[in-house]
């Protein structure tokens, strides 16, 4: 069975929480709120989730089902690093999810993708062996924006 797992940054303290995603209508404010029920939560209290933590909606990302060379789970929004087989240079990419056009064949897809240098390609082109041996999660777009800016500056000769 597939491991369906989400993560998001807590509204109250900004720490990451991992578990099951729930969106619920707040009857007082009449707005939808996003919660993650922590993985080990197995009970409910008075009709409410006992271990539901409100998270910032924009930080929510789903687990891709893949792990990097260190065994770390790869989530939507992660920044990964790999050494290109053809050039030997480090490449950084962002993991995304949604509709996209694969620049390699101009086919339209929906699902997880890798975006590097503005080019999106299917994550399915990563073999399990590549993930185990070459891919490493080095950060995420929420906590480590500077990693992407540094890489863009290096490509254009700026430091």
Protein backbone atom coordinates (compact mmCIF):
# COMPACT_ATOMS: atom_id res chain seq x y z
CA UNK A 1 0.00 0.00 0.00
CA UNK A 2 1.11 3.55 -0.75
CA UNK A 3 2.22 5.73 2.20
CA UNK A 4 0.02 8.86 2.02
CA UNK A 5 1.56 11.49 4.27
CA UNK A 6 1.55 15.28 4.43
CA UNK A 7 3.60 17.90 6.21
CA UNK A 8 3.00 21.54 7.02
CA UNK A 9 4.34 24.32 9.23
CA UNK A 10 2.39 24.94 12.41
CA UNK A 11 0.56 28.27 12.65
CA UNK A 12 1.45 28.70 16.33
CA UNK A 13 5.22 28.11 16.28
CA UNK A 14 6.36 27.47 12.68
CA UNK A 15 7.60 23.92 13.38
CA UNK A 16 6.99 21.12 10.90
CA UNK A 17 4.29 18.56 11.67
CA UNK A 18 3.69 15.32 9.75
CA UNK A 19 0.51 13.31 9.35
CA UNK A 20 -2.90 13.33 7.69
CA UNK A 21 -4.36 16.42 6.01
CA UNK A 22 -7.76 17.82 7.00
CA UNK A 23 -9.49 21.00 5.86
CA UNK A 24 -12.39 22.15 7.99
CA UNK A 25 -14.76 25.08 8.05
CA UNK A 26 -14.40 27.29 11.12
CA UNK A 27 -18.04 28.02 12.04
CA UNK A 28 -17.04 31.18 13.92
CA UNK A 29 -14.99 32.84 11.15
CA UNK A 30 -16.72 31.04 8.25
CA UNK A 31 -13.28 30.33 6.73
CA UNK A 32 -11.60 27.06 5.85
CA UNK A 33 -8.67 26.11 8.04
CA UNK A 34 -6.01 23.51 7.33
CA UNK A 35 -4.96 20.95 9.92
CA UNK A 36 -2.64 17.99 10.08
CA UNK A 37 -3.53 15.12 12.37
CA UNK A 38 -0.24 13.82 13.66
CA UNK A 39 0.64 10.29 12.55
CA UNK A 40 0.29 8.73 15.98
CA UNK A 41 -3.13 10.29 16.69
CA UNK A 42 -5.69 7.51 16.86
CA UNK A 43 -8.49 8.97 18.94
CA UNK A 44 -11.09 11.72 18.88
CA UNK A 45 -12.41 13.89 21.71
CA UNK A 46 -15.91 15.43 21.79
CA UNK A 47 -16.25 15.31 18.03
CA UNK A 48 -12.94 17.10 17.43
CA UNK A 49 -9.58 15.76 16.39
CA UNK A 50 -7.51 15.40 19.55
CA UNK A 51 -4.13 15.82 17.85
CA UNK A 52 -5.06 18.12 14.97
CA UNK A 53 -2.59 20.97 14.54
CA UNK A 54 -3.44 24.02 12.45
CA UNK A 55 -0.86 24.57 9.71
CA UNK A 56 -0.09 27.31 7.20
CA UNK A 57 -1.88 26.21 4.04
CA UNK A 58 0.87 27.46 1.72
CA UNK A 59 3.43 25.14 3.38
CA UNK A 60 1.47 21.90 3.02
CA UNK A 61 3.18 19.28 0.86
CA UNK A 62 2.59 15.61 0.13
CA UNK A 63 5.12 12.79 0.44
CA UNK A 64 6.17 11.61 -3.04
CA UNK A 65 6.66 7.99 -2.01
CA UNK A 66 10.41 8.32 -2.67
CA UNK A 67 13.32 8.60 -0.26
CA UNK A 68 16.74 10.14 -0.92
CA UNK A 69 20.16 8.48 -0.57
CA UNK A 70 20.05 9.09 3.21
CA UNK A 71 16.61 7.50 3.59
CA UNK A 72 14.94 10.92 4.05
CA UNK A 73 11.39 11.16 2.70
CA UNK A 74 11.03 13.49 -0.31
CA UNK A 75 8.07 15.90 -0.08
CA UNK A 76 6.49 18.40 -2.42
CA UNK A 77 8.38 21.67 -1.86
CA UNK A 78 11.72 19.97 -1.13
CA UNK A 79 14.93 21.10 -2.78
CA UNK A 80 16.97 18.15 -3.98
CA UNK A 81 20.56 17.93 -5.14
CA UNK A 82 22.12 15.44 -7.53
CA UNK A 83 25.32 15.22 -9.51
CA UNK A 84 24.55 15.14 -13.23
CA UNK A 85 25.84 11.98 -14.87
CA UNK A 86 26.83 13.78 -18.08
CA UNK A 87 28.61 16.85 -16.62
CA UNK A 88 29.52 15.81 -13.07
CA UNK A 89 28.10 19.11 -11.79
CA UNK A 90 25.66 19.48 -8.93
CA UNK A 91 22.10 20.21 -10.02
CA UNK A 92 19.39 21.47 -7.70
CA UNK A 93 15.71 20.99 -8.33
CA UNK A 94 12.41 21.63 -6.60
CA UNK A 95 9.76 18.94 -6.17
CA UNK A 96 6.29 20.12 -7.17
CA UNK A 97 2.80 18.78 -7.72
CA UNK A 98 0.12 19.80 -10.22
CA UNK A 99 -0.51 20.15 -13.95
CA UNK A 100 2.62 20.63 -16.02
CA UNK A 101 4.08 20.25 -19.50
CA UNK A 102 7.11 17.96 -19.65
CA UNK A 103 9.67 20.01 -21.58
CA UNK A 104 11.34 16.81 -22.84
CA UNK A 105 8.36 15.64 -24.89
CA UNK A 106 5.74 18.45 -24.63
CA UNK A 107 3.22 16.03 -23.08
CA UNK A 108 0.88 17.36 -20.40
CA UNK A 109 0.80 15.57 -17.04
CA UNK A 110 -0.65 15.89 -13.57
CA UNK A 111 1.27 14.65 -10.57
CA UNK A 112 4.65 15.10 -8.94
CA UNK A 113 7.35 16.78 -11.01
CA UNK A 114 10.91 18.00 -10.71
CA UNK A 115 11.68 21.57 -11.74
CA UNK A 116 15.25 22.62 -12.46
CA UNK A 117 16.37 25.68 -14.40
CA UNK A 118 12.72 26.43 -15.17
CA UNK A 119 12.19 23.05 -16.84
CA UNK A 120 9.61 20.65 -15.42
CA UNK A 121 9.84 16.93 -15.93
CA UNK A 122 8.06 13.91 -14.48
CA UNK A 123 9.37 12.59 -11.19
CA UNK A 124 8.80 9.11 -12.59
CA UNK A 125 11.97 9.59 -14.63
CA UNK A 126 13.86 9.17 -11.35
CA UNK A 127 14.55 5.52 -10.78
CA UNK A 128 14.54 4.10 -7.29
CA UNK A 129 18.27 3.41 -7.77
CA UNK A 130 18.92 7.07 -8.60
CA UNK A 131 17.11 8.16 -5.46
CA UNK A 132 19.02 5.68 -3.32
CA UNK A 133 22.41 6.61 -4.77
CA UNK A 134 22.36 10.16 -6.17
CA UNK A 135 19.47 12.28 -4.87
CA UNK A 136 19.74 14.17 -1.58
CA UNK A 137 17.17 16.46 0.08
CA UNK A 138 19.12 19.61 0.99
CA UNK A 139 16.25 21.84 2.12
CA UNK A 140 12.83 23.10 1.16
CA UNK A 141 11.39 26.20 -0.49
CA UNK A 142 9.86 27.45 2.77
CA UNK A 143 12.96 27.41 4.97
CA UNK A 144 15.76 27.61 2.40
CA UNK A 145 14.91 30.09 -0.38
CA UNK A 146 18.55 31.25 -0.38
CA UNK A 147 19.61 27.84 -1.77
CA UNK A 148 17.68 28.53 -4.95
CA UNK A 149 18.86 32.13 -5.23
CA UNK A 150 22.51 31.08 -4.71
CA UNK A 151 22.22 28.49 -7.47
CA UNK A 152 20.67 31.00 -9.91
CA UNK A 153 23.40 33.55 -9.15
CA UNK A 154 26.16 30.96 -9.72
CA UNK A 155 24.66 30.05 -13.10
CA UNK A 156 24.73 33.70 -14.17
CA UNK A 157 28.25 34.39 -12.84
CA UNK A 158 27.07 36.40 -9.81
CA UNK A 159 28.05 35.63 -6.25
